[in-house]
Protein backbone atom coordinates (compact mmCIF):
# COMPACT_ATOMS: atom_id res chain seq x y z
CA MET A 1 304.63 59.61 285.09
CA LYS A 2 304.58 61.29 281.70
CA VAL A 3 301.01 61.82 280.51
CA THR A 4 300.13 62.39 276.89
CA THR A 5 297.61 64.99 275.80
CA GLN A 6 295.08 62.23 275.01
CA GLN A 7 295.52 60.61 278.45
CA TRP A 8 295.15 63.97 280.10
CA ALA A 9 291.91 64.67 278.18
CA GLU A 10 290.54 61.24 279.11
CA GLN A 11 291.37 61.89 282.77
CA LEU A 12 289.80 65.35 282.77
CA ALA A 13 286.29 63.86 282.98
CA GLU A 14 287.32 62.26 286.27
CA ALA A 15 288.11 65.68 287.84
CA SER A 16 284.46 66.19 288.83
CA ASN A 17 284.67 62.97 290.91
CA VAL A 18 287.53 64.28 293.10
CA LYS A 19 286.13 65.48 296.41
CA VAL A 20 288.18 67.40 298.96
CA GLN A 21 287.16 66.99 302.59
CA ARG A 22 287.53 70.36 304.32
CA CYS A 23 286.67 69.21 307.89
CA PHE A 24 290.06 68.51 309.53
CA ARG A 25 288.86 66.85 312.74
CA PHE A 26 286.18 64.95 314.51
CA ASP A 27 283.81 66.58 317.02
CA GLU A 28 285.66 65.20 320.01
CA LYS A 29 288.02 66.52 322.67
CA VAL A 30 291.55 66.89 321.21
CA GLU A 31 294.50 65.77 323.24
CA GLN A 32 297.18 66.88 320.74
CA VAL A 33 297.39 68.42 317.33
CA SER A 34 300.50 68.28 315.21
CA LEU A 35 301.41 69.38 311.73
CA HIS A 36 303.47 67.25 309.28
CA THR A 37 304.92 68.51 306.02
CA PHE A 38 306.41 66.04 303.47
CA THR A 39 308.78 67.12 300.67
CA ASP A 40 310.01 65.41 297.56
CA ALA A 41 311.59 66.06 294.16
CA SER A 42 311.99 64.41 290.83
CA LYS A 43 313.68 65.52 287.66
CA LEU A 44 310.34 67.05 286.60
CA ALA A 45 309.09 68.77 289.77
CA TYR A 46 309.50 69.39 293.48
CA ALA A 47 306.66 69.59 296.04
CA ALA A 48 305.58 69.88 299.61
CA VAL A 49 302.30 68.73 301.25
CA SER A 50 301.09 69.41 304.80
CA TYR A 51 298.75 67.37 307.02
CA ALA A 52 297.08 68.10 310.32
CA ARG A 53 297.19 65.15 312.76
CA TYR A 54 294.70 65.10 315.59
CA LYS A 55 295.01 62.73 318.55
CA TYR A 56 291.82 62.56 320.60
CA LEU A 57 291.29 61.80 324.30
CA SER A 58 289.36 58.71 323.19
CA GLY A 59 292.61 57.38 321.55
CA LYS A 60 291.43 57.94 317.98
CA ILE A 61 293.68 59.61 315.40
CA SER A 62 292.66 61.53 312.39
CA VAL A 63 294.87 62.97 309.61
CA ALA A 64 293.75 65.50 307.00
CA LEU A 65 295.32 67.26 304.05
CA VAL A 66 295.69 70.92 304.76
CA THR A 67 297.54 72.23 301.69
CA ALA A 68 300.12 71.38 299.08
CA LYS A 69 302.40 73.23 296.72
CA ALA A 70 304.36 72.03 293.67
CA ARG A 71 306.79 73.64 291.32
CA VAL A 72 308.10 72.57 287.93
CA ALA A 73 311.84 71.79 287.99
CA PRO A 74 314.00 74.59 286.47
CA ILE A 75 314.78 74.29 282.75
CA LYS A 76 318.47 74.47 283.55
CA SER A 77 319.56 71.04 284.78
CA VAL A 78 319.69 70.78 288.58
CA SER A 79 320.83 67.63 290.42
CA ILE A 80 318.21 65.65 292.32
CA PRO A 81 319.84 66.38 295.71
CA ARG A 82 319.62 70.12 295.02
CA LEU A 83 316.02 69.75 293.85
CA GLU A 84 315.28 67.90 297.10
CA LEU A 85 316.79 70.81 298.97
CA MET A 86 314.62 73.24 296.96
CA ALA A 87 311.64 71.05 298.01
CA ALA A 88 312.76 71.30 301.65
CA VAL A 89 312.76 75.10 301.41
CA LEU A 90 309.32 75.03 299.81
CA GLY A 91 308.21 72.71 302.67
CA VAL A 92 309.58 75.13 305.33
CA ARG A 93 307.76 78.05 303.75
CA LEU A 94 304.52 75.99 303.45
CA ALA A 95 304.86 74.86 307.08
CA GLU A 96 305.35 78.49 308.14
CA THR A 97 302.15 79.55 306.39
CA VAL A 98 300.12 76.66 307.72
CA SER A 99 301.42 77.29 311.22
CA GLN A 100 300.31 80.91 311.07
CA LYS A 101 296.91 80.13 309.62
CA LEU A 102 296.14 77.34 312.10
CA GLU A 103 297.81 79.22 314.96
CA ILE A 104 300.09 76.28 315.84
CA PRO A 105 303.77 77.25 316.44
CA LEU A 106 306.18 76.18 313.73
CA SER A 107 308.33 74.60 316.47
CA GLU A 108 305.58 71.90 316.80
CA HIS A 109 305.81 71.01 313.14
CA THR A 110 307.51 67.88 311.84
CA LEU A 111 309.10 67.98 308.40
CA TRP A 112 309.73 64.83 306.43
CA THR A 113 312.01 64.11 303.47
CA ASP A 114 313.14 60.95 301.74
CA SER A 115 316.49 62.60 300.95
CA MET A 116 319.36 61.72 303.27
CA ASP A 117 321.32 64.58 301.59
CA VAL A 118 318.81 67.08 302.91
CA ILE A 119 318.90 65.47 306.40
CA TYR A 120 322.77 65.72 306.37
CA TRP A 121 322.73 69.33 305.16
CA VAL A 122 320.10 70.45 307.68
CA GLN A 123 322.01 68.84 310.52
CA GLY A 124 325.35 70.25 309.38
CA HIS A 125 326.86 73.74 309.24
CA SER A 126 325.95 75.87 306.28
CA ARG A 127 329.33 77.72 306.28
CA ARG A 128 331.09 74.58 304.80
CA LEU A 129 328.76 74.28 301.85
CA LYS A 130 328.72 75.84 298.37
CA SER A 131 326.54 79.00 298.12
CA PHE A 132 323.57 77.36 296.45
CA VAL A 133 323.22 74.80 299.19
CA ALA A 134 324.45 77.06 301.98
CA ASN A 135 321.83 79.76 301.27
CA ARG A 136 318.97 77.30 301.31
CA VAL A 137 320.24 75.44 304.38
CA GLU A 138 320.61 78.73 306.20
CA GLU A 139 316.97 79.57 305.59
CA ILE A 140 315.87 76.06 306.78
CA GLN A 141 318.01 76.30 309.90
CA ARG A 142 316.81 79.83 310.65
CA LYS A 143 313.17 78.76 310.64
CA THR A 144 313.38 75.17 311.92
CA SER A 145 315.59 73.03 314.14
CA PRO A 146 317.36 69.88 312.93
CA ALA A 147 315.30 67.86 315.39
CA GLN A 148 312.15 68.69 313.47
CA TRP A 149 313.41 66.87 310.37
CA ARG A 150 312.81 63.19 309.92
CA HIS A 151 313.52 60.70 307.11
CA VAL A 152 310.63 58.93 305.46
CA PRO A 153 311.18 56.06 302.96
CA GLY A 154 310.30 57.12 299.46
CA GLU A 155 307.44 54.66 299.10
CA LYS A 156 305.75 56.16 302.16
CA ASN A 157 306.14 59.78 301.11
CA PRO A 158 302.87 61.37 299.92
CA ALA A 159 304.77 64.28 298.31
CA ASP A 160 306.04 61.64 295.85
CA ASP A 161 302.44 61.69 294.38
CA ALA A 162 302.88 65.33 293.43
CA THR A 163 306.37 64.95 291.86
CA ARG A 164 305.70 61.76 289.94
CA GLY A 165 302.11 62.34 288.95
CA LEU A 166 298.88 60.68 290.16
CA ASP A 167 296.11 59.40 287.96
CA LEU A 168 292.81 61.18 288.74
CA ARG A 169 291.13 57.80 288.98
CA ASP A 170 293.41 57.10 292.07
CA MET A 171 292.40 60.32 293.85
CA SER A 172 289.58 59.13 296.08
CA THR A 173 289.12 60.73 299.54
CA ALA A 174 290.61 57.47 300.95
CA SER A 175 293.87 57.82 298.97
CA ARG A 176 297.22 58.51 300.53
CA TRP A 177 297.19 61.99 299.01
CA PHE A 178 294.15 63.04 301.05
CA GLN A 179 294.63 60.88 304.16
CA GLY A 180 298.40 61.14 304.54
CA PRO A 181 300.72 58.17 304.99
CA SER A 182 299.31 55.25 306.92
CA PHE A 183 301.89 55.47 309.68
CA LEU A 184 300.57 58.92 310.78
CA HIS A 185 297.33 57.15 311.78
CA GLU A 186 299.32 55.06 314.24
CA VAL A 187 301.19 55.78 317.50
CA GLU A 188 304.47 57.55 317.09
CA GLU A 189 306.51 54.47 318.10
CA SER A 190 305.51 52.85 314.79
CA TRP A 191 306.70 55.76 312.64
CA PRO A 192 309.86 55.41 310.52
CA LEU A 193 312.90 55.54 312.74
CA ARG A 194 314.94 58.70 313.12
CA ASP A 195 318.27 58.54 311.30
């Protein structure tokens, strides 16, 4: 979404209405906590966003935004698959930081991408790839396992909001950006299928 200077100025007044919830969980006994990082890229930017998912003994599930990071795409033209791979590396680094800060092992972190190229590269062998791809895949494979990577349809990927732009009027605390994708609030059997 390309925003003009006038549109940006009009939206700026809405910034004071954006509230960020900092409490990650309810005051209940936690059965399981998991971390989920979503990555995405467009021709303008690439991004990663991490969520903490709490499953309680009562059966309730809560999901909260932990952190996000975005980068502007390089000036030199880079293909979308390579930008998606750059987003995946950004996601791994973000996941590593979140895991350290929340003291949850990186091995218990799920990483999501809407790029089948990234899934293919991560599950393959980096020696057969060109150096740009091989170097990034090697870092991803060194820090995560292929089993941690899952495919998410583009329309369900919250990182898409960071790469395509989100109107400030759409950034309520109930929005996908703050709450994570709706499927994370459900049992794992209803999540997008592994490819």
